[in-house]
C-alpha atoms as a PDB file:
ATOM      1  CA  MET A   1     -13.425  12.740 -14.187  1.00  0.00           C
ATOM      2  CA  SER A   2     -12.294   9.202 -14.871  1.00  0.00           C
ATOM      3  CA  SER A   3     -11.641   7.041 -17.910  1.00  0.00           C
ATOM      4  CA  GLU A   4     -12.379   3.346 -17.532  1.00  0.00           C
ATOM      5  CA  GLY A   5     -11.965   0.004 -19.229  1.00  0.00           C
ATOM      6  CA  ASP A   6     -13.352  -3.466 -18.596  1.00  0.00           C
ATOM      7  CA  GLN A   7     -11.127  -6.537 -18.494  1.00  0.00           C
ATOM      8  CA  ASP A   8     -12.066  -9.557 -20.590  1.00  0.00           C
ATOM      9  CA  HIS A   9     -11.850 -12.527 -18.232  1.00  0.00           C
ATOM     10  CA  THR A  10     -12.478 -15.150 -20.902  1.00  0.00           C
ATOM     11  CA  ALA A  11      -8.717 -15.670 -21.076  1.00  0.00           C
ATOM     12  CA  GLN A  12      -7.280 -15.901 -17.584  1.00  0.00           C
ATOM     13  CA  SER A  13      -3.652 -15.061 -16.916  1.00  0.00           C
ATOM     14  CA  ARG A  14      -1.429 -15.459 -13.910  1.00  0.00           C
ATOM     15  CA  PRO A  15      -1.740 -13.343 -11.899  1.00  0.00           C
ATOM     16  CA  PHE A  16      -5.418 -12.659 -12.482  1.00  0.00           C
ATOM     17  CA  PRO A  17      -6.274  -9.443 -14.330  1.00  0.00           C
ATOM     18  CA  PRO A  18      -8.324  -6.671 -12.730  1.00  0.00           C
ATOM     19  CA  ARG A  19     -12.075  -6.726 -13.252  1.00  0.00           C
ATOM     20  CA  ARG A  20     -11.979  -3.071 -14.259  1.00  0.00           C
ATOM     21  CA  TRP A  21      -9.320  -0.396 -14.564  1.00  0.00           C
ATOM     22  CA  GLY A  22      -9.263   3.354 -15.046  1.00  0.00           C
ATOM     23  CA  GLU A  23      -7.676   6.742 -14.498  1.00  0.00           C
ATOM     24  CA  THR A  24      -9.109   9.620 -12.485  1.00  0.00           C
ATOM     25  CA  GLU A  25      -8.088  13.241 -12.995  1.00  0.00           C
ATOM     26  CA  VAL A  26      -7.231  14.610  -9.557  1.00  0.00           C
ATOM     27  CA  ASP A  27      -5.832  17.936 -10.716  1.00  0.00           C
ATOM     28  CA  SER A  28      -5.550  19.782 -13.993  1.00  0.00           C
ATOM     29  CA  GLY A  29      -3.755  17.407 -16.341  1.00  0.00           C
ATOM     30  CA  ARG A  30      -2.795  14.978 -13.566  1.00  0.00           C
ATOM     31  CA  VAL A  31      -4.326  11.518 -13.057  1.00  0.00           C
ATOM     32  CA  LEU A  32      -4.158   8.574 -10.653  1.00  0.00           C
ATOM     33  CA  GLY A  33      -4.362   5.088 -12.130  1.00  0.00           C
ATOM     34  CA  TRP A  34      -6.492   2.463 -10.426  1.00  0.00           C
ATOM     35  CA  ALA A  35      -7.794  -1.067 -10.912  1.00  0.00           C
ATOM     36  CA  GLU A  36     -10.779  -2.890  -9.462  1.00  0.00           C
ATOM     37  CA  TYR A  37     -11.096  -6.417  -8.098  1.00  0.00           C
ATOM     38  CA  GLY A  38     -13.615  -8.370  -6.085  1.00  0.00           C
ATOM     39  CA  HIS A  39     -17.368  -7.824  -5.829  1.00  0.00           C
ATOM     40  CA  PRO A  40     -18.616  -4.994  -8.088  1.00  0.00           C
ATOM     41  CA  ASP A  41     -21.288  -4.023  -5.556  1.00  0.00           C
ATOM     42  CA  GLY A  42     -19.296  -4.794  -2.413  1.00  0.00           C
ATOM     43  CA  ASP A  43     -18.126  -2.459   0.336  1.00  0.00           C
ATOM     44  CA  PRO A  44     -15.214  -0.486  -1.145  1.00  0.00           C
ATOM     45  CA  LEU A  45     -11.629  -0.887   0.030  1.00  0.00           C
ATOM     46  CA  LEU A  46      -8.844   1.282  -1.365  1.00  0.00           C
ATOM     47  CA  TRP A  47      -5.621  -0.735  -1.564  1.00  0.00           C
ATOM     48  CA  TYR A  48      -2.217   1.002  -1.639  1.00  0.00           C
ATOM     49  CA  HIS A  49       0.862  -0.778  -3.008  1.00  0.00           C
ATOM     50  CA  GLY A  50       4.244  -0.908  -1.315  1.00  0.00           C
ATOM     51  CA  THR A  51       7.546   0.662  -2.388  1.00  0.00           C
ATOM     52  CA  PRO A  52       8.003  -0.253  -5.197  1.00  0.00           C
ATOM     53  CA  GLY A  53       4.658  -1.322  -6.604  1.00  0.00           C
ATOM     54  CA  ALA A  54       1.727  -0.580  -8.884  1.00  0.00           C
ATOM     55  CA  ARG A  55      -1.989  -1.282  -9.207  1.00  0.00           C
ATOM     56  CA  THR A  56      -1.652  -5.037  -9.721  1.00  0.00           C
ATOM     57  CA  GLN A  57       0.292  -5.602  -6.487  1.00  0.00           C
ATOM     58  CA  LEU A  58      -2.361  -7.686  -4.804  1.00  0.00           C
ATOM     59  CA  PRO A  59      -2.269 -11.192  -3.270  1.00  0.00           C
ATOM     60  CA  PRO A  60      -3.189 -13.770  -5.943  1.00  0.00           C
ATOM     61  CA  VAL A  61      -6.244 -14.936  -3.980  1.00  0.00           C
ATOM     62  CA  ALA A  62      -7.465 -11.413  -3.169  1.00  0.00           C
ATOM     63  CA  HIS A  63      -9.989 -11.179  -6.012  1.00  0.00           C
ATOM     64  CA  GLU A  64     -11.718 -14.446  -5.119  1.00  0.00           C
ATOM     65  CA  THR A  65     -11.506 -13.714  -1.395  1.00  0.00           C
ATOM     66  CA  ALA A  66     -13.044 -10.272  -1.859  1.00  0.00           C
ATOM     67  CA  LEU A  67     -15.847 -11.785  -3.946  1.00  0.00           C
ATOM     68  CA  GLN A  68     -16.665 -14.227  -1.153  1.00  0.00           C
ATOM     69  CA  ARG A  69     -16.585 -11.555   1.554  1.00  0.00           C
ATOM     70  CA  GLY A  70     -18.438  -8.834  -0.304  1.00  0.00           C
ATOM     71  CA  PHE A  71     -15.602  -6.351  -0.795  1.00  0.00           C
ATOM     72  CA  ARG A  72     -14.848  -4.207  -3.827  1.00  0.00           C
ATOM     73  CA  ILE A  73     -11.068  -3.654  -3.866  1.00  0.00           C
ATOM     74  CA  ILE A  74      -9.740  -0.615  -5.710  1.00  0.00           C
ATOM     75  CA  THR A  75      -5.956  -0.573  -6.029  1.00  0.00           C
ATOM     76  CA  VAL A  76      -4.482   2.908  -6.453  1.00  0.00           C
ATOM     77  CA  GLU A  77      -1.174   3.893  -8.039  1.00  0.00           C
ATOM     78  CA  ARG A  78       0.748   6.770  -6.493  1.00  0.00           C
ATOM     79  CA  PRO A  79       2.214   9.528  -8.687  1.00  0.00           C
ATOM     80  CA  GLY A  80       5.169   8.303 -10.699  1.00  0.00           C
ATOM     81  CA  THR A  81       3.965   4.703 -10.990  1.00  0.00           C
ATOM     82  CA  GLY A  82       2.074   3.035 -13.826  1.00  0.00           C
ATOM     83  CA  ALA A  83      -0.694   5.194 -15.243  1.00  0.00           C
ATOM     84  CA  SER A  84      -0.397   7.876 -12.545  1.00  0.00           C
ATOM     85  CA  THR A  85       1.132  11.167 -13.634  1.00  0.00           C
ATOM     86  CA  ASP A  86       4.516  11.932 -12.130  1.00  0.00           C
ATOM     87  CA  HIS A  87       4.175  14.477  -9.323  1.00  0.00           C
ATOM     88  CA  GLN A  88       6.173  15.433  -6.241  1.00  0.00           C
ATOM     89  CA  TYR A  89       4.165  15.939  -3.055  1.00  0.00           C
ATOM     90  CA  ARG A  90       5.589  18.229  -0.389  1.00  0.00           C
ATOM     91  CA  ARG A  91       4.387  15.934   2.381  1.00  0.00           C
ATOM     92  CA  ILE A  92       2.622  12.604   2.638  1.00  0.00           C
ATOM     93  CA  SER A  93      -0.479  14.438   3.878  1.00  0.00           C
ATOM     94  CA  ASP A  94      -0.831  15.992   0.399  1.00  0.00           C
ATOM     95  CA  PHE A  95      -1.862  12.593  -0.942  1.00  0.00           C
ATOM     96  CA  GLY A  96      -5.055  12.805   1.106  1.00  0.00           C
ATOM     97  CA  ALA A  97      -6.429  15.533  -1.151  1.00  0.00           C
ATOM     98  CA  ASP A  98      -5.878  13.379  -4.246  1.00  0.00           C
ATOM     99  CA  ALA A  99      -7.504  10.402  -2.523  1.00  0.00           C
ATOM    100  CA  GLU A 100     -10.536  12.548  -1.733  1.00  0.00           C
ATOM    101  CA  VAL A 101     -10.951  13.550  -5.380  1.00  0.00           C
ATOM    102  CA  LEU A 102     -10.605   9.898  -6.382  1.00  0.00           C
ATOM    103  CA  VAL A 103     -13.265   8.544  -4.016  1.00  0.00           C
ATOM    104  CA  ASP A 104     -15.621  11.383  -4.934  1.00  0.00           C
ATOM    105  CA  ASP A 105     -15.191  10.571  -8.623  1.00  0.00           C
ATOM    106  CA  LEU A 106     -15.794   6.863  -7.975  1.00  0.00           C
ATOM    107  CA  GLY A 107     -18.902   7.679  -5.955  1.00  0.00           C
ATOM    108  CA  LEU A 108     -17.608   6.193  -2.709  1.00  0.00           C
ATOM    109  CA  ASP A 109     -19.264   7.552   0.408  1.00  0.00           C
ATOM    110  CA  ARG A 110     -17.632   5.435   3.103  1.00  0.00           C
ATOM    111  CA  PHE A 111     -14.778   3.031   2.531  1.00  0.00           C
ATOM    112  CA  GLY A 112     -11.845   1.173   4.046  1.00  0.00           C
ATOM    113  CA  VAL A 113      -8.153   1.550   3.219  1.00  0.00           C
ATOM    114  CA  VAL A 114      -5.365  -1.056   3.159  1.00  0.00           C
ATOM    115  CA  GLY A 115      -1.665  -0.395   2.614  1.00  0.00           C
ATOM    116  CA  LEU A 116       1.392  -2.631   2.345  1.00  0.00           C
ATOM    117  CA  SER A 117       4.739  -1.415   3.700  1.00  0.00           C
ATOM    118  CA  GLY A 118       5.424   1.961   2.038  1.00  0.00           C
ATOM    119  CA  GLY A 119       1.702   2.280   1.361  1.00  0.00           C
ATOM    120  CA  GLY A 120       1.012   2.425   5.104  1.00  0.00           C
ATOM    121  CA  PRO A 121       1.690   6.159   5.580  1.00  0.00           C
ATOM    122  CA  TYR A 122      -0.733   6.916   2.745  1.00  0.00           C
ATOM    123  CA  VAL A 123      -3.437   4.885   4.500  1.00  0.00           C
ATOM    124  CA  LEU A 124      -3.039   7.150   7.515  1.00  0.00           C
ATOM    125  CA  ALA A 125      -2.967  10.272   5.317  1.00  0.00           C
ATOM    126  CA  THR A 126      -6.288   9.202   3.796  1.00  0.00           C
ATOM    127  CA  ALA A 127      -7.817   8.492   7.207  1.00  0.00           C
ATOM    128  CA  HIS A 128      -6.557  11.829   8.513  1.00  0.00           C
ATOM    129  CA  ARG A 129      -8.024  13.700   5.550  1.00  0.00           C
ATOM    130  CA  MET A 130     -11.423  11.966   5.659  1.00  0.00           C
ATOM    131  CA  PRO A 131     -12.066  10.768   9.230  1.00  0.00           C
ATOM    132  CA  ASP A 132     -15.837  10.606   8.752  1.00  0.00           C
ATOM    133  CA  ARG A 133     -15.587   8.509   5.590  1.00  0.00           C
ATOM    134  CA  VAL A 134     -12.841   5.991   6.387  1.00  0.00           C
ATOM    135  CA  VAL A 135     -14.506   3.077   8.189  1.00  0.00           C
ATOM    136  CA  VAL A 136     -11.302   1.134   8.853  1.00  0.00           C
ATOM    137  CA  GLY A 137      -7.644   1.319   7.922  1.00  0.00           C
ATOM    138  CA  SER A 138      -5.271  -1.661   7.743  1.00  0.00           C
ATOM    139  CA  LEU A 139      -1.478  -1.337   7.885  1.00  0.00           C
ATOM    140  CA  LEU A 140       0.351  -4.400   6.550  1.00  0.00           C
ATOM    141  CA  GLY A 141       3.906  -3.979   7.812  1.00  0.00           C
ATOM    142  CA  GLY A 142       3.547  -0.222   7.365  1.00  0.00           C
ATOM    143  CA  ILE A 143       6.597   1.995   7.808  1.00  0.00           C
ATOM    144  CA  GLY A 144       6.354   4.540  10.622  1.00  0.00           C
ATOM    145  CA  PRO A 145       7.367   8.217  10.866  1.00  0.00           C
ATOM    146  CA  THR A 146      11.041   9.212  10.917  1.00  0.00           C
ATOM    147  CA  ARG A 147      10.593  12.791  12.148  1.00  0.00           C
ATOM    148  CA  GLY A 148       8.847  14.665  14.923  1.00  0.00           C
ATOM    149  CA  PRO A 149       7.409  13.305  18.179  1.00  0.00           C
ATOM    150  CA  ASP A 150       6.055  10.227  16.362  1.00  0.00           C
ATOM    151  CA  ALA A 151       9.463   9.133  15.043  1.00  0.00           C
ATOM    152  CA  VAL A 152      10.136   5.412  15.438  1.00  0.00           C
ATOM    153  CA  TRP A 153      13.536   4.426  16.803  1.00  0.00           C
ATOM    154  CA  SER A 154      14.941   2.133  14.106  1.00  0.00           C
ATOM    155  CA  TYR A 155      17.342   2.169  11.169  1.00  0.00           C
ATOM    156  CA  THR A 156      14.748   4.118   9.153  1.00  0.00           C
ATOM    157  CA  ARG A 157      15.663   7.242  11.148  1.00  0.00           C
ATOM    158  CA  ALA A 158      18.768   7.381   8.957  1.00  0.00           C
ATOM    159  CA  LEU A 159      16.491   8.658   6.210  1.00  0.00           C
ATOM    160  CA  ARG A 160      16.414  11.985   8.052  1.00  0.00           C
ATOM    161  CA  PHE A 161      20.125  12.454   7.460  1.00  0.00           C
ATOM    162  CA  LEU A 162      19.802  11.364   3.849  1.00  0.00           C
ATOM    163  CA  ALA A 163      16.943  13.796   3.235  1.00  0.00           C
ATOM    164  CA  PRO A 164      19.029  16.516   1.492  1.00  0.00           C
ATOM    165  CA  THR A 165      20.612  13.932  -0.812  1.00  0.00           C
ATOM    166  CA  LEU A 166      17.272  12.278  -1.526  1.00  0.00           C
ATOM    167  CA  GLU A 167      15.775  15.637  -2.488  1.00  0.00           C
ATOM    168  CA  VAL A 168      18.615  16.400  -4.910  1.00  0.00           C
ATOM    169  CA  LEU A 169      18.531  12.920  -6.446  1.00  0.00           C
ATOM    170  CA  ARG A 170      14.738  12.557  -6.473  1.00  0.00           C
ATOM    171  CA  SER A 171      14.332  13.149 -10.211  1.00  0.00           C
ATOM    172  CA  PRO A 172      17.569  11.425 -11.348  1.00  0.00           C
ATOM    173  CA  ILE A 173      16.768   8.292  -9.331  1.00  0.00           C
ATOM    174  CA  GLY A 174      13.309   8.183 -10.865  1.00  0.00           C
ATOM    175  CA  SER A 175      14.766   8.561 -14.349  1.00  0.00           C
ATOM    176  CA  VAL A 176      17.100   5.612 -13.793  1.00  0.00           C
ATOM    177  CA  LEU A 177      14.467   3.333 -12.263  1.00  0.00           C
ATOM    178  CA  GLY A 178      11.997   3.848 -15.100  1.00  0.00           C
ATOM    179  CA  PRO A 179      14.066   2.164 -17.848  1.00  0.00           C
ATOM    180  CA  ALA A 180      15.102  -0.540 -15.374  1.00  0.00           C
ATOM    181  CA  VAL A 181      11.497  -1.734 -15.308  1.00  0.00           C
ATOM    182  CA  GLY A 182      11.971  -3.023 -18.827  1.00  0.00           C
ATOM    183  CA  ALA A 183      14.369  -5.634 -17.515  1.00  0.00           C
ATOM    184  CA  ALA A 184      11.941  -6.887 -14.892  1.00  0.00           C
ATOM    185  CA  GLU A 185      10.307  -9.428 -17.178  1.00  0.00           C
ATOM    186  CA  ARG A 186      13.667 -10.862 -18.246  1.00  0.00           C
ATOM    187  CA  VAL A 187      15.319 -11.105 -14.831  1.00  0.00           C
ATOM    188  CA  GLY A 188      12.321 -10.783 -12.530  1.00  0.00           C
ATOM    189  CA  GLU A 189      12.113 -14.394 -11.391  1.00  0.00           C
ATOM    190  CA  GLN A 190      15.833 -14.514 -10.624  1.00  0.00           C
ATOM    191  CA  ALA A 191      15.596 -11.209  -8.736  1.00  0.00           C
ATOM    192  CA  ILE A 192      12.657 -12.475  -6.674  1.00  0.00           C
ATOM    193  CA  ASP A 193      14.600 -15.649  -5.886  1.00  0.00           C
ATOM    194  CA  ILE A 194      17.664 -13.673  -4.752  1.00  0.00           C
ATOM    195  CA  PHE A 195      15.492 -11.375  -2.632  1.00  0.00           C
ATOM    196  CA  ALA A 196      13.740 -14.375  -1.071  1.00  0.00           C
ATOM    197  CA  ARG A 197      17.092 -15.907  -0.125  1.00  0.00           C
ATOM    198  CA  LEU A 198      18.227 -12.640   1.447  1.00  0.00           C
ATOM    199  CA  VAL A 199      15.135 -12.110   3.612  1.00  0.00           C
ATOM    200  CA  GLY A 200      14.687 -15.804   4.394  1.00  0.00           C
ATOM    201  CA  GLY A 201      12.166 -17.283   6.804  1.00  0.00           C
ATOM    202  CA  HIS A 202       8.462 -16.723   6.293  1.00  0.00           C
ATOM    203  CA  ASP A 203       8.972 -14.204   3.491  1.00  0.00           C
ATOM    204  CA  ARG A 204      10.984 -16.755   1.545  1.00  0.00           C
ATOM    205  CA  GLU A 205       8.121 -19.220   1.910  1.00  0.00           C
ATOM    206  CA  VAL A 206       5.652 -16.634   0.598  1.00  0.00           C
ATOM    207  CA  LEU A 207       7.828 -15.778  -2.399  1.00  0.00           C
ATOM    208  CA  SER A 208       8.396 -19.461  -3.195  1.00  0.00           C
ATOM    209  CA  ASP A 209       4.723 -19.613  -4.184  1.00  0.00           C
ATOM    210  CA  PRO A 210       4.798 -19.345  -8.007  1.00  0.00           C
ATOM    211  CA  ASP A 211       1.627 -17.248  -8.053  1.00  0.00           C
ATOM    212  CA  PHE A 212       3.040 -14.722  -5.586  1.00  0.00           C
ATOM    213  CA  ALA A 213       6.327 -14.505  -7.480  1.00  0.00           C
ATOM    214  CA  ALA A 214       4.493 -14.087 -10.792  1.00  0.00           C
ATOM    215  CA  MET A 215       2.330 -11.345  -9.298  1.00  0.00           C
ATOM    216  CA  PHE A 216       5.316  -9.287  -8.140  1.00  0.00           C
ATOM    217  CA  VAL A 217       7.159  -9.691 -11.451  1.00  0.00           C
ATOM    218  CA  SER A 218       4.052  -8.833 -13.470  1.00  0.00           C
ATOM    219  CA  ASP A 219       3.321  -5.831 -11.268  1.00  0.00           C
ATOM    220  CA  LEU A 220       6.795  -4.352 -11.737  1.00  0.00           C
ATOM    221  CA  THR A 221       6.735  -5.098 -15.459  1.00  0.00           C
ATOM    222  CA  ASN A 222       3.393  -3.375 -15.922  1.00  0.00           C
ATOM    223  CA  ALA A 223       4.318  -0.408 -13.725  1.00  0.00           C
ATOM    224  CA  GLY A 224       5.958   1.261 -16.719  1.00  0.00           C
ATOM    225  CA  GLN A 225       7.722   3.759 -14.475  1.00  0.00           C
ATOM    226  CA  LEU A 226       8.983   3.685 -10.903  1.00  0.00           C
ATOM    227  CA  ARG A 227       9.566   7.333 -10.094  1.00  0.00           C
ATOM    228  CA  SER A 228       7.310   6.874  -7.068  1.00  0.00           C
ATOM    229  CA  VAL A 229      10.106   4.942  -5.326  1.00  0.00           C
ATOM    230  CA  ALA A 230      12.273   8.066  -5.209  1.00  0.00           C
ATOM    231  CA  HIS A 231       9.269  10.163  -4.181  1.00  0.00           C
ATOM    232  CA  ASP A 232       8.379   7.762  -1.358  1.00  0.00           C
ATOM    233  CA  MET A 233      11.919   7.704   0.014  1.00  0.00           C
ATOM    234  CA  ALA A 234      12.095  11.498   0.024  1.00  0.00           C
ATOM    235  CA  LEU A 235       8.698  11.802   1.727  1.00  0.00           C
ATOM    236  CA  PHE A 236       9.523   9.168   4.352  1.00  0.00           C
ATOM    237  CA  ALA A 237      12.447  11.397   5.348  1.00  0.00           C
ATOM    238  CA  ARG A 238      10.109  14.333   6.014  1.00  0.00           C
ATOM    239  CA  HIS A 239       7.457  15.077   8.599  1.00  0.00           C
ATOM    240  CA  TRP A 240       4.235  13.507   7.362  1.00  0.00           C
ATOM    241  CA  GLY A 241       2.178  16.666   7.855  1.00  0.00           C
ATOM    242  CA  PHE A 242       0.043  15.217  10.658  1.00  0.00           C
ATOM    243  CA  LEU A 243       0.513  13.401  13.967  1.00  0.00           C
ATOM    244  CA  LEU A 244      -0.559   9.832  14.631  1.00  0.00           C
ATOM    245  CA  GLU A 245      -2.783  11.021  17.474  1.00  0.00           C
ATOM    246  CA  GLU A 246      -4.749  13.045  14.908  1.00  0.00           C
ATOM    247  CA  VAL A 247      -5.793   9.936  12.937  1.00  0.00           C
ATOM    248  CA  THR A 248      -9.123   8.997  14.514  1.00  0.00           C
ATOM    249  CA  PRO A 249     -10.696   6.196  12.383  1.00  0.00           C
ATOM    250  CA  PRO A 250     -10.143   2.573  13.510  1.00  0.00           C
ATOM    251  CA  VAL A 251      -6.801   1.191  12.314  1.00  0.00           C
ATOM    252  CA  ILE A 252      -5.674  -2.448  12.361  1.00  0.00           C
ATOM    253  CA  VAL A 253      -1.882  -2.724  12.571  1.00  0.00           C
ATOM    254  CA  TRP A 254      -0.618  -6.047  11.175  1.00  0.00           C
ATOM    255  CA  GLN A 255       2.990  -6.713  12.127  1.00  0.00           C
ATOM    256  CA  GLY A 256       5.219  -9.716  11.542  1.00  0.00           C
ATOM    257  CA  LEU A 257       7.585 -10.160  14.469  1.00  0.00           C
ATOM    258  CA  ALA A 258      10.281 -11.495  12.124  1.00  0.00           C
ATOM    259  CA  ASP A 259       9.991  -8.632   9.612  1.00  0.00           C
ATOM    260  CA  PRO A 260      13.505  -7.963   8.214  1.00  0.00           C
ATOM    261  CA  ILE A 261      12.445  -4.857   6.264  1.00  0.00           C
ATOM    262  CA  VAL A 262      10.142  -2.843   8.531  1.00  0.00           C
ATOM    263  CA  PRO A 263      11.178  -3.685  12.113  1.00  0.00           C
ATOM    264  CA  PRO A 264       8.410  -4.758  14.533  1.00  0.00           C
ATOM    265  CA  SER A 265       9.010  -1.560  16.507  1.00  0.00           C
ATOM    266  CA  HIS A 266       7.163   0.309  13.741  1.00  0.00           C
ATOM    267  CA  GLY A 267       3.969  -1.656  14.289  1.00  0.00           C
ATOM    268  CA  HIS A 268       4.109  -1.463  18.076  1.00  0.00           C
ATOM    269  CA  HIS A 269       4.934   2.249  18.013  1.00  0.00           C
ATOM    270  CA  GLN A 270       2.146   3.216  15.625  1.00  0.00           C
ATOM    271  CA  ALA A 271      -0.448   1.079  17.397  1.00  0.00           C
ATOM    272  CA  ALA A 272       0.467   2.721  20.706  1.00  0.00           C
ATOM    273  CA  ARG A 273       0.144   6.259  19.338  1.00  0.00           C
ATOM    274  CA  LEU A 274      -2.894   5.922  17.106  1.00  0.00           C
ATOM    275  CA  PRO A 275      -5.962   6.705  19.263  1.00  0.00           C
ATOM    276  CA  ASN A 276      -8.162   3.944  17.828  1.00  0.00           C
ATOM    277  CA  ALA A 277      -5.831   1.114  16.869  1.00  0.00           C
ATOM    278  CA  GLN A 278      -5.570  -2.619  17.327  1.00  0.00           C
ATOM    279  CA  LEU A 279      -2.240  -4.433  17.021  1.00  0.00           C
ATOM    280  CA  ARG A 280      -2.237  -7.850  15.362  1.00  0.00           C
ATOM    281  CA  VAL A 281       1.197  -9.431  15.701  1.00  0.00           C
ATOM    282  CA  ARG A 282       2.259 -12.483  13.697  1.00  0.00           C
ATOM    283  CA  PRO A 283       4.987 -14.469  15.516  1.00  0.00           C
ATOM    284  CA  GLY A 284       7.491 -16.060  13.162  1.00  0.00           C
ATOM    285  CA  GLU A 285       6.179 -14.156  10.137  1.00  0.00           C
ATOM    286  CA  GLY A 286       7.991 -11.477   8.179  1.00  0.00           C
ATOM    287  CA  HIS A 287       7.297  -8.490   5.982  1.00  0.00           C
ATOM    288  CA  PHE A 288       4.423 -10.152   4.142  1.00  0.00           C
ATOM    289  CA  ALA A 289       2.511 -10.982   7.319  1.00  0.00           C
ATOM    290  CA  GLY A 290      -1.024  -9.816   6.667  1.00  0.00           C
ATOM    291  CA  PHE A 291      -0.430  -9.413   2.937  1.00  0.00           C
ATOM    292  CA  ALA A 292      -0.110 -13.186   2.610  1.00  0.00           C
ATOM    293  CA  GLU A 293      -3.130 -13.683   4.880  1.00  0.00           C
ATOM    294  CA  VAL A 294      -5.561 -11.522   2.953  1.00  0.00           C
ATOM    295  CA  ALA A 295      -8.602 -13.567   4.045  1.00  0.00           C
ATOM    296  CA  GLU A 296      -7.911 -12.756   7.685  1.00  0.00           C
ATOM    297  CA  VAL A 297      -7.239  -9.095   6.879  1.00  0.00           C
ATOM    298  CA  LEU A 298     -10.596  -8.822   5.111  1.00  0.00           C
ATOM    299  CA  ASP A 299     -12.399 -10.741   7.856  1.00  0.00           C
ATOM    300  CA  VAL A 300     -11.111  -8.359  10.530  1.00  0.00           C
ATOM    301  CA  ALA A 301     -11.977  -5.367   8.355  1.00  0.00           C
ATOM    302  CA  ARG A 302     -15.495  -6.792   8.008  1.00  0.00           C
ATOM    303  CA  GLU A 303     -15.809  -7.135  11.791  1.00  0.00           C
ATOM    304  CA  VAL A 304     -14.811  -3.511  12.290  1.00  0.00           C
ATOM    305  CA  TRP A 305     -17.140  -2.443   9.474  1.00  0.00           C
ATOM    306  CA  ALA A 306     -20.045  -4.107  11.266  1.00  0.00           C
ATOM    307  CA  LEU A 307     -19.258  -2.598  14.654  1.00  0.00           C
ATOM    308  CA  GLU A 308     -17.321   0.540  13.639  1.00  0.00           C
ATOM    309  CA  THR A 309     -15.283   0.174  16.796  1.00  0.00           C
ATOM    310  CA  LEU A 310     -12.202  -1.667  17.993  1.00  0.00           C
ATOM    311  CA  GLU A 311     -11.384  -3.708  21.030  1.00  0.00           C
ATOM    312  CA  PRO A 312      -7.786  -2.970  22.083  1.00  0.00           C
ATOM    313  CA  THR A 313      -5.357  -5.882  22.176  1.00  0.00           C
ATOM    314  CA  THR A 314      -2.533  -6.638  24.560  1.00  0.00           C
ATOM    315  CA  ASP A 315      -0.192  -8.065  21.889  1.00  0.00           C
END
């Protein structure tokens, strides 16, 4: 059961407000918050934010682009962020059950899924849970597994050794991050500028766009809580609860070759192990490759939607 509200667009703000927002009860007393953009009658795409993030973490042009391409984008907040009730999953695969309740409540039969960075594993969890309903998945610089036969060889493997500490500090970290959100509006622009200088290159160019910077600041400010960051880090250190070879829907893997946050090895590794994947590399681009090119991401998703198949790439 969901509660909903409509956004008054007579007064536009930057970034643009969602067309509609709501909360869906996925378990007794527990809800997931969501927001809707794009074409109200378009083909539905679930959109999962990164780590950190919330339901307004969407490229500034995404609403207009989705309108033009006939997509209905539904951004979903994970537990411990924004309107979503705080909850600790045992494994990333557990999220799939919540996603299934959500799409059933929203009346979605078949749909696509997009995820930025830390949202990537949840895209695959959704596709694994509902292989006959997910038409296409899109990973935008998605982090790969750190455990089991699918583990990616990169600095993220260190999370395995931090797992016991992350589990102990999961709740305390979340408690500290929540109040810190209140400072986002006051220092957000400076923080974005510092982050942009640290990552440099293409990502710095993306974040120098005032609309992009405003979107990220607004998203963190409106998140209200950021316990999901601690939850994500703890879950990334665990086995996901499924293998990449078990995810059968088509998946587009977007990977910037100059990504300073999620190394390119993650994209290559996941594309090689997913049975129905296509790798789209972006030379010279960083962590926001794909995210900053939302028109191309939606165009490729539309192509797959029409054919429901993928041609492998040699990238």
